[in-house]
PDB file of N, CA and C in Angstrom:
ATOM      1  N   MET A   1     118.779  73.701  72.042  1.00  0.00           N
ATOM      2  CA  MET A   1     118.784  73.501  73.536  1.00  0.00           C
ATOM      3  C   MET A   1     118.798  72.553  73.446  1.00  0.00           C
ATOM      4  N   SER A   2     120.464  71.782  74.006  1.00  0.00           N
ATOM      5  CA  SER A   2     121.147  70.577  74.513  1.00  0.00           C
ATOM      6  C   SER A   2     120.604  70.376  75.989  1.00  0.00           C
ATOM      7  N   SER A   3     120.694  68.658  76.413  1.00  0.00           N
ATOM      8  CA  SER A   3     119.674  67.983  76.672  1.00  0.00           C
ATOM      9  C   SER A   3     120.605  69.140  78.582  1.00  0.00           C
ATOM     10  N   SER A   4     121.883  69.342  78.271  1.00  0.00           N
ATOM     11  CA  SER A   4     122.607  69.277  79.731  1.00  0.00           C
ATOM     12  C   SER A   4     121.738  71.313  80.007  1.00  0.00           C
ATOM     13  N   GLU A   5     121.245  71.630  78.617  1.00  0.00           N
ATOM     14  CA  GLU A   5     120.898  73.612  79.079  1.00  0.00           C
ATOM     15  C   GLU A   5     119.231  73.325  79.275  1.00  0.00           C
ATOM     16  N   SER A   6     119.364  72.113  78.994  1.00  0.00           N
ATOM     17  CA  SER A   6     117.402  71.867  79.463  1.00  0.00           C
ATOM     18  C   SER A   6     117.677  70.935  81.085  1.00  0.00           C
ATOM     19  N   THR A   7     118.326  71.437  81.510  1.00  0.00           N
ATOM     20  CA  THR A   7     118.752  70.770  82.826  1.00  0.00           C
ATOM     21  C   THR A   7     118.895  71.499  83.733  1.00  0.00           C
ATOM     22  N   ALA A   8     119.743  72.391  82.889  1.00  0.00           N
ATOM     23  CA  ALA A   8     120.440  73.158  84.299  1.00  0.00           C
ATOM     24  C   ALA A   8     119.421  73.631  84.846  1.00  0.00           C
ATOM     25  N   LEU A   9     120.220  74.812  85.852  1.00  0.00           N
ATOM     26  CA  LEU A   9     119.158  75.536  86.914  1.00  0.00           C
ATOM     27  C   LEU A   9     119.623  76.877  86.248  1.00  0.00           C
ATOM     28  N   VAL A  10     119.350  77.302  86.263  1.00  0.00           N
ATOM     29  CA  VAL A  10     118.611  78.747  85.763  1.00  0.00           C
ATOM     30  C   VAL A  10     119.934  79.617  86.535  1.00  0.00           C
ATOM     31  N   ASN A  11     120.239  79.405  87.570  1.00  0.00           N
ATOM     32  CA  ASN A  11     121.716  79.907  88.387  1.00  0.00           C
ATOM     33  C   ASN A  11     122.675  80.025  87.767  1.00  0.00           C
ATOM     34  N   GLU A  12     122.528  78.389  87.144  1.00  0.00           N
ATOM     35  CA  GLU A  12     124.725  77.772  86.430  1.00  0.00           C
ATOM     36  C   GLU A  12     124.009  78.671  84.895  1.00  0.00           C
ATOM     37  N   ILE A  13     123.128  78.707  84.391  1.00  0.00           N
ATOM     38  CA  ILE A  13     123.133  79.618  82.566  1.00  0.00           C
ATOM     39  C   ILE A  13     122.756  80.984  82.867  1.00  0.00           C
ATOM     40  N   LEU A  14     122.624  81.462  83.861  1.00  0.00           N
ATOM     41  CA  LEU A  14     122.457  83.006  83.865  1.00  0.00           C
ATOM     42  C   LEU A  14     123.327  83.579  84.984  1.00  0.00           C
ATOM     43  N   PRO A  15     124.132  84.775  84.535  1.00  0.00           N
ATOM     44  CA  PRO A  15     124.908  85.320  84.901  1.00  0.00           C
ATOM     45  C   PRO A  15     125.113  86.195  85.915  1.00  0.00           C
ATOM     46  N   ASN A  16     125.648  86.213  87.277  1.00  0.00           N
ATOM     47  CA  ASN A  16     125.489  86.823  88.425  1.00  0.00           C
ATOM     48  C   ASN A  16     125.052  88.342  88.063  1.00  0.00           C
ATOM     49  N   THR A  17     125.429  89.208  87.041  1.00  0.00           N
ATOM     50  CA  THR A  17     125.169  90.088  86.273  1.00  0.00           C
ATOM     51  C   THR A  17     122.955  90.573  86.041  1.00  0.00           C
ATOM     52  N   ALA A  18     122.429  89.632  85.897  1.00  0.00           N
ATOM     53  CA  ALA A  18     121.775  88.963  85.426  1.00  0.00           C
ATOM     54  C   ALA A  18     120.640  88.460  86.555  1.00  0.00           C
ATOM     55  N   ALA A  19     120.953  88.456  87.830  1.00  0.00           N
ATOM     56  CA  ALA A  19     120.243  87.180  88.316  1.00  0.00           C
ATOM     57  C   ALA A  19     118.850  87.918  89.254  1.00  0.00           C
ATOM     58  N   THR A  20     117.899  86.388  89.375  1.00  0.00           N
ATOM     59  CA  THR A  20     116.059  87.030  89.747  1.00  0.00           C
ATOM     60  C   THR A  20     116.323  85.922  90.962  1.00  0.00           C
ATOM     61  N   ILE A  21     116.281  86.825  92.866  1.00  0.00           N
ATOM     62  CA  ILE A  21     116.125  86.282  93.991  1.00  0.00           C
ATOM     63  C   ILE A  21     114.868  86.613  93.849  1.00  0.00           C
ATOM     64  N   THR A  22     114.528  85.828  95.010  1.00  0.00           N
ATOM     65  CA  THR A  22     112.592  86.216  95.787  1.00  0.00           C
ATOM     66  C   THR A  22     113.583  86.269  97.361  1.00  0.00           C
ATOM     67  N   ILE A  23     112.169  87.121  97.447  1.00  0.00           N
ATOM     68  CA  ILE A  23     112.724  87.428  98.793  1.00  0.00           C
ATOM     69  C   ILE A  23     111.458  87.053  99.596  1.00  0.00           C
ATOM     70  N   ARG A  24     111.498  86.108 100.963  1.00  0.00           N
ATOM     71  CA  ARG A  24     110.414  86.146 101.976  1.00  0.00           C
ATOM     72  C   ARG A  24     110.187  86.689 102.570  1.00  0.00           C
ATOM     73  N   VAL A  25     109.368  87.698 102.662  1.00  0.00           N
ATOM     74  CA  VAL A  25     108.708  89.011 103.989  1.00  0.00           C
ATOM     75  C   VAL A  25     107.683  88.586 104.776  1.00  0.00           C
ATOM     76  N   ILE A  26     108.231  88.199 106.109  1.00  0.00           N
ATOM     77  CA  ILE A  26     106.868  87.791 106.342  1.00  0.00           C
ATOM     78  C   ILE A  26     106.040  88.704 107.210  1.00  0.00           C
ATOM     79  N   LYS A  27     104.314  89.553 107.033  1.00  0.00           N
ATOM     80  CA  LYS A  27     103.740  89.944 107.051  1.00  0.00           C
ATOM     81  C   LYS A  27     103.176  89.920 108.431  1.00  0.00           C
ATOM     82  N   SER A  28     103.060  88.801 108.783  1.00  0.00           N
ATOM     83  CA  SER A  28     102.297  88.560 110.486  1.00  0.00           C
ATOM     84  C   SER A  28     102.972  86.738 110.520  1.00  0.00           C
ATOM     85  N   PHE A  29     103.771  87.575 112.037  1.00  0.00           N
ATOM     86  CA  PHE A  29     104.738  85.997 112.601  1.00  0.00           C
ATOM     87  C   PHE A  29     103.499  85.067 113.615  1.00  0.00           C
ATOM     88  N   GLU A  30     102.277  86.077 113.508  1.00  0.00           N
ATOM     89  CA  GLU A  30     101.248  85.179 114.664  1.00  0.00           C
ATOM     90  C   GLU A  30     100.512  84.384 113.820  1.00  0.00           C
ATOM     91  N   TYR A  31     100.027  84.976 112.817  1.00  0.00           N
ATOM     92  CA  TYR A  31      99.129  84.288 111.776  1.00  0.00           C
ATOM     93  C   TYR A  31      99.614  83.493 110.553  1.00  0.00           C
ATOM     94  N   ARG A  32     101.384  83.526 110.522  1.00  0.00           N
ATOM     95  CA  ARG A  32     102.179  83.208 109.394  1.00  0.00           C
ATOM     96  C   ARG A  32     101.754  83.609 107.643  1.00  0.00           C
ATOM     97  N   VAL A  33     101.827  85.026 108.090  1.00  0.00           N
ATOM     98  CA  VAL A  33     101.770  85.545 106.281  1.00  0.00           C
ATOM     99  C   VAL A  33     102.600  85.725 106.290  1.00  0.00           C
ATOM    100  N   GLY A  34     103.422  85.676 104.897  1.00  0.00           N
ATOM    101  CA  GLY A  34     104.138  86.333 104.105  1.00  0.00           C
ATOM    102  C   GLY A  34     103.810  86.543 102.584  1.00  0.00           C
ATOM    103  N   LYS A  35     104.583  87.666 102.045  1.00  0.00           N
ATOM    104  CA  LYS A  35     104.281  87.550 100.756  1.00  0.00           C
ATOM    105  C   LYS A  35     105.764  87.331 100.457  1.00  0.00           C
ATOM    106  N   SER A  36     105.905  86.868  98.657  1.00  0.00           N
ATOM    107  CA  SER A  36     107.087  86.133  98.648  1.00  0.00           C
ATOM    108  C   SER A  36     107.362  87.826  97.707  1.00  0.00           C
ATOM    109  N   LEU A  37     108.783  88.446  97.479  1.00  0.00           N
ATOM    110  CA  LEU A  37     108.893  89.448  96.848  1.00  0.00           C
ATOM    111  C   LEU A  37     109.875  89.370  95.389  1.00  0.00           C
ATOM    112  N   VAL A  38     109.723  89.193  94.391  1.00  0.00           N
ATOM    113  CA  VAL A  38     110.779  88.564  93.223  1.00  0.00           C
ATOM    114  C   VAL A  38     111.298  89.794  92.213  1.00  0.00           C
ATOM    115  N   LEU A  39     112.424  90.090  92.521  1.00  0.00           N
ATOM    116  CA  LEU A  39     113.157  90.508  91.914  1.00  0.00           C
ATOM    117  C   LEU A  39     114.139  90.122  90.200  1.00  0.00           C
ATOM    118  N   HIS A  40     114.063  90.904  89.959  1.00  0.00           N
ATOM    119  CA  HIS A  40     114.288  90.005  88.301  1.00  0.00           C
ATOM    120  C   HIS A  40     115.820  91.079  87.527  1.00  0.00           C
ATOM    121  N   ASN A  41     116.690  90.273  87.363  1.00  0.00           N
ATOM    122  CA  ASN A  41     117.554  91.476  86.869  1.00  0.00           C
ATOM    123  C   ASN A  41     118.808  92.456  87.778  1.00  0.00           C
ATOM    124  N   VAL A  42     118.855  90.967  88.818  1.00  0.00           N
ATOM    125  CA  VAL A  42     119.533  92.067  89.802  1.00  0.00           C
ATOM    126  C   VAL A  42     121.387  92.231  89.372  1.00  0.00           C
ATOM    127  N   ASN A  43     122.429  93.051  89.690  1.00  0.00           N
ATOM    128  CA  ASN A  43     123.807  92.589  89.538  1.00  0.00           C
ATOM    129  C   ASN A  43     124.857  91.819  91.169  1.00  0.00           C
ATOM    130  N   LEU A  44     124.419  90.976  91.351  1.00  0.00           N
ATOM    131  CA  LEU A  44     125.287  90.595  92.639  1.00  0.00           C
ATOM    132  C   LEU A  44     126.381  90.814  92.408  1.00  0.00           C
ATOM    133  N   GLU A  45     127.405  91.284  91.715  1.00  0.00           N
ATOM    134  CA  GLU A  45     128.324  91.105  91.306  1.00  0.00           C
ATOM    135  C   GLU A  45     128.049  92.975  92.114  1.00  0.00           C
ATOM    136  N   GLU A  46     127.606  93.935  92.627  1.00  0.00           N
ATOM    137  CA  GLU A  46     127.133  95.484  91.989  1.00  0.00           C
ATOM    138  C   GLU A  46     126.769  95.364  93.752  1.00  0.00           C
ATOM    139  N   MET A  47     124.990  94.552  94.070  1.00  0.00           N
ATOM    140  CA  MET A  47     124.222  94.890  94.612  1.00  0.00           C
ATOM    141  C   MET A  47     124.809  94.841  96.215  1.00  0.00           C
ATOM    142  N   THR A  48     124.424  95.587  97.194  1.00  0.00           N
ATOM    143  CA  THR A  48     125.095  95.649  98.420  1.00  0.00           C
ATOM    144  C   THR A  48     123.613  95.298  99.528  1.00  0.00           C
ATOM    145  N   VAL A  49     124.087  94.930 100.359  1.00  0.00           N
ATOM    146  CA  VAL A  49     123.018  94.156 101.387  1.00  0.00           C
ATOM    147  C   VAL A  49     121.830  95.733 101.547  1.00  0.00           C
ATOM    148  N   ARG A  50     123.071  96.692 101.880  1.00  0.00           N
ATOM    149  CA  ARG A  50     121.965  98.267 101.904  1.00  0.00           C
ATOM    150  C   ARG A  50     121.456  98.571 100.314  1.00  0.00           C
ATOM    151  N   LYS A  51     121.581  98.046  99.486  1.00  0.00           N
ATOM    152  CA  LYS A  51     120.626  99.029  97.838  1.00  0.00           C
ATOM    153  C   LYS A  51     119.884  97.624  98.035  1.00  0.00           C
ATOM    154  N   LEU A  52     119.972  96.577  97.870  1.00  0.00           N
ATOM    155  CA  LEU A  52     119.017  96.203  98.534  1.00  0.00           C
ATOM    156  C   LEU A  52     117.835  95.773  99.650  1.00  0.00           C
ATOM    157  N   LYS A  53     118.083  96.583 100.907  1.00  0.00           N
ATOM    158  CA  LYS A  53     117.006  97.126 101.767  1.00  0.00           C
ATOM    159  C   LYS A  53     116.249  98.593 101.382  1.00  0.00           C
ATOM    160  N   GLU A  54     117.170  99.545 100.597  1.00  0.00           N
ATOM    161  CA  GLU A  54     117.348 100.083 100.461  1.00  0.00           C
ATOM    162  C   GLU A  54     116.099 100.107  98.879  1.00  0.00           C
ATOM    163  N   GLU A  55     116.304  99.099  97.793  1.00  0.00           N
ATOM    164  CA  GLU A  55     115.236  98.554  96.851  1.00  0.00           C
ATOM    165  C   GLU A  55     114.011  98.394  97.375  1.00  0.00           C
ATOM    166  N   VAL A  56     113.584  97.527  97.964  1.00  0.00           N
ATOM    167  CA  VAL A  56     112.752  96.638  98.832  1.00  0.00           C
ATOM    168  C   VAL A  56     111.410  97.568  99.536  1.00  0.00           C
ATOM    169  N   LYS A  57     113.020  98.634 100.512  1.00  0.00           N
ATOM    170  CA  LYS A  57     111.979  99.453 100.845  1.00  0.00           C
ATOM    171  C   LYS A  57     111.147 101.164  99.553  1.00  0.00           C
ATOM    172  N   GLN A  58     111.898 100.956  98.884  1.00  0.00           N
ATOM    173  CA  GLN A  58     111.278 101.675  97.946  1.00  0.00           C
ATOM    174  C   GLN A  58     110.302 101.055  96.842  1.00  0.00           C
ATOM    175  N   ASP A  59     110.607  99.870  96.967  1.00  0.00           N
ATOM    176  CA  ASP A  59     108.960  99.630  96.075  1.00  0.00           C
ATOM    177  C   ASP A  59     107.885  99.125  96.817  1.00  0.00           C
ATOM    178  N   HIS A  60     108.309  98.660  98.555  1.00  0.00           N
ATOM    179  CA  HIS A  60     107.580  97.881  99.033  1.00  0.00           C
ATOM    180  C   HIS A  60     107.097  98.755 100.790  1.00  0.00           C
ATOM    181  N   ASP A  61     107.252 100.217 100.759  1.00  0.00           N
ATOM    182  CA  ASP A  61     107.446 100.496 102.031  1.00  0.00           C
ATOM    183  C   ASP A  61     106.791  99.707 102.732  1.00  0.00           C
ATOM    184  N   GLU A  62     105.205  99.489 102.690  1.00  0.00           N
ATOM    185  CA  GLU A  62     104.428  98.711 104.117  1.00  0.00           C
ATOM    186  C   GLU A  62     105.361  97.498 104.079  1.00  0.00           C
ATOM    187  N   LEU A  63     106.170  96.767 104.084  1.00  0.00           N
ATOM    188  CA  LEU A  63     106.782  95.185 103.866  1.00  0.00           C
ATOM    189  C   LEU A  63     107.582  95.383 104.924  1.00  0.00           C
ATOM    190  N   THR A  64     108.640  96.753 105.094  1.00  0.00           N
ATOM    191  CA  THR A  64     109.429  96.837 105.840  1.00  0.00           C
ATOM    192  C   THR A  64     109.500  97.506 107.386  1.00  0.00           C
ATOM    193  N   LEU A  65     109.798  97.325 107.847  1.00  0.00           N
ATOM    194  CA  LEU A  65     110.109  97.613 109.548  1.00  0.00           C
ATOM    195  C   LEU A  65     111.457  98.926 109.654  1.00  0.00           C
ATOM    196  N   ASN A  66     109.999 100.095 109.938  1.00  0.00           N
ATOM    197  CA  ASN A  66     111.046 101.755 110.008  1.00  0.00           C
ATOM    198  C   ASN A  66     111.274 101.902 111.154  1.00  0.00           C
ATOM    199  N   ASP A  67     111.069 101.635 111.884  1.00  0.00           N
ATOM    200  CA  ASP A  67     111.982 101.709 113.396  1.00  0.00           C
ATOM    201  C   ASP A  67     113.061 100.915 113.793  1.00  0.00           C
ATOM    202  N   ASP A  68     114.378 101.785 113.463  1.00  0.00           N
ATOM    203  CA  ASP A  68     115.226 100.796 113.724  1.00  0.00           C
ATOM    204  C   ASP A  68     115.408 100.394 114.984  1.00  0.00           C
ATOM    205  N   ASP A  69     115.611 100.799 115.652  1.00  0.00           N
ATOM    206  CA  ASP A  69     115.411 101.191 117.268  1.00  0.00           C
ATOM    207  C   ASP A  69     114.230 100.536 117.800  1.00  0.00           C
ATOM    208  N   GLY A  70     113.206 100.082 117.142  1.00  0.00           N
ATOM    209  CA  GLY A  70     111.654  99.691 117.863  1.00  0.00           C
ATOM    210  C   GLY A  70     111.976  98.055 118.614  1.00  0.00           C
ATOM    211  N   LYS A  71     112.241  97.514 119.735  1.00  0.00           N
ATOM    212  CA  LYS A  71     111.938  96.658 120.134  1.00  0.00           C
ATOM    213  C   LYS A  71     110.951  95.656 119.012  1.00  0.00           C
ATOM    214  N   LEU A  72     111.443  94.078 118.993  1.00  0.00           N
ATOM    215  CA  LEU A  72     110.803  93.349 118.257  1.00  0.00           C
ATOM    216  C   LEU A  72     109.711  92.569 119.331  1.00  0.00           C
ATOM    217  N   ALA A  73     109.797  92.607 120.387  1.00  0.00           N
ATOM    218  CA  ALA A  73     108.132  92.964 120.696  1.00  0.00           C
ATOM    219  C   ALA A  73     107.595  93.847 121.463  1.00  0.00           C
ATOM    220  N   ASP A  74     108.205  94.884 121.185  1.00  0.00           N
ATOM    221  CA  ASP A  74     106.752  95.264 120.553  1.00  0.00           C
ATOM    222  C   ASP A  74     106.394  95.676 119.627  1.00  0.00           C
ATOM    223  N   ILE A  75     106.828  95.292 118.221  1.00  0.00           N
ATOM    224  CA  ILE A  75     105.391  94.715 117.451  1.00  0.00           C
ATOM    225  C   ILE A  75     105.443  93.659 116.838  1.00  0.00           C
ATOM    226  N   GLY A  76     105.462  93.116 117.726  1.00  0.00           N
ATOM    227  CA  GLY A  76     104.420  91.571 117.408  1.00  0.00           C
ATOM    228  C   GLY A  76     105.276  90.257 117.550  1.00  0.00           C
ATOM    229  N   ILE A  77     106.704  90.368 117.327  1.00  0.00           N
ATOM    230  CA  ILE A  77     107.379  89.639 116.769  1.00  0.00           C
ATOM    231  C   ILE A  77     107.728  88.591 118.015  1.00  0.00           C
ATOM    232  N   GLY A  78     107.231  87.603 118.091  1.00  0.00           N
ATOM    233  CA  GLY A  78     107.522  86.168 118.998  1.00  0.00           C
ATOM    234  C   GLY A  78     106.105  86.212 119.590  1.00  0.00           C
ATOM    235  N   MET A  79     105.025  86.694 118.779  1.00  0.00           N
ATOM    236  CA  MET A  79     104.027  86.549 120.329  1.00  0.00           C
ATOM    237  C   MET A  79     102.943  85.484 120.573  1.00  0.00           C
ATOM    238  N   SER A  80     103.554  84.654 118.576  1.00  0.00           N
ATOM    239  CA  SER A  80     103.350  83.260 118.938  1.00  0.00           C
ATOM    240  C   SER A  80     103.938  82.675 119.640  1.00  0.00           C
ATOM    241  N   LEU A  81     104.804  83.277 120.121  1.00  0.00           N
ATOM    242  CA  LEU A  81     105.107  82.459 120.645  1.00  0.00           C
ATOM    243  C   LEU A  81     104.979  81.497 122.044  1.00  0.00           C
ATOM    244  N   ALA A  82     104.961  83.208 122.115  1.00  0.00           N
ATOM    245  CA  ALA A  82     104.191  82.941 124.154  1.00  0.00           C
ATOM    246  C   ALA A  82     103.428  82.552 123.817  1.00  0.00           C
ATOM    247  N   LYS A  83     102.871  82.780 123.157  1.00  0.00           N
ATOM    248  CA  LYS A  83     101.601  82.577 122.637  1.00  0.00           C
ATOM    249  C   LYS A  83     100.992  80.558 123.333  1.00  0.00           C
ATOM    250  N   GLN A  84     102.352  80.184 122.688  1.00  0.00           N
ATOM    251  CA  GLN A  84     101.878  78.657 122.959  1.00  0.00           C
ATOM    252  C   GLN A  84     103.073  78.077 124.282  1.00  0.00           C
ATOM    253  N   HIS A  85     103.195  78.674 124.647  1.00  0.00           N
ATOM    254  CA  HIS A  85     103.769  78.296 125.617  1.00  0.00           C
ATOM    255  C   HIS A  85     103.206  78.762 127.452  1.00  0.00           C
ATOM    256  N   LYS A  86     102.073  79.209 126.950  1.00  0.00           N
ATOM    257  CA  LYS A  86     101.045  79.433 127.826  1.00  0.00           C
ATOM    258  C   LYS A  86     100.086  78.947 128.413  1.00  0.00           C
TER     259      LYS A  86
END
């Protein structure tokens, strides 16, 4: 391995068809609890946002919001900000 390969970033070495991406899922804004979801061998040239969301939901349904019409305030998003301003 040459010195340039050893200092290169992974995203510069691997092709777009075999990417590793990390998605940060916030489980609680109030308590600042999150989870990182790492997906390997993602084809960035074919993966769409819709497909990515479906894959995250399929693999980790507990980490996704299911009510597309729900109000963010009703599920607790923004609660910590409201408490800070009181």
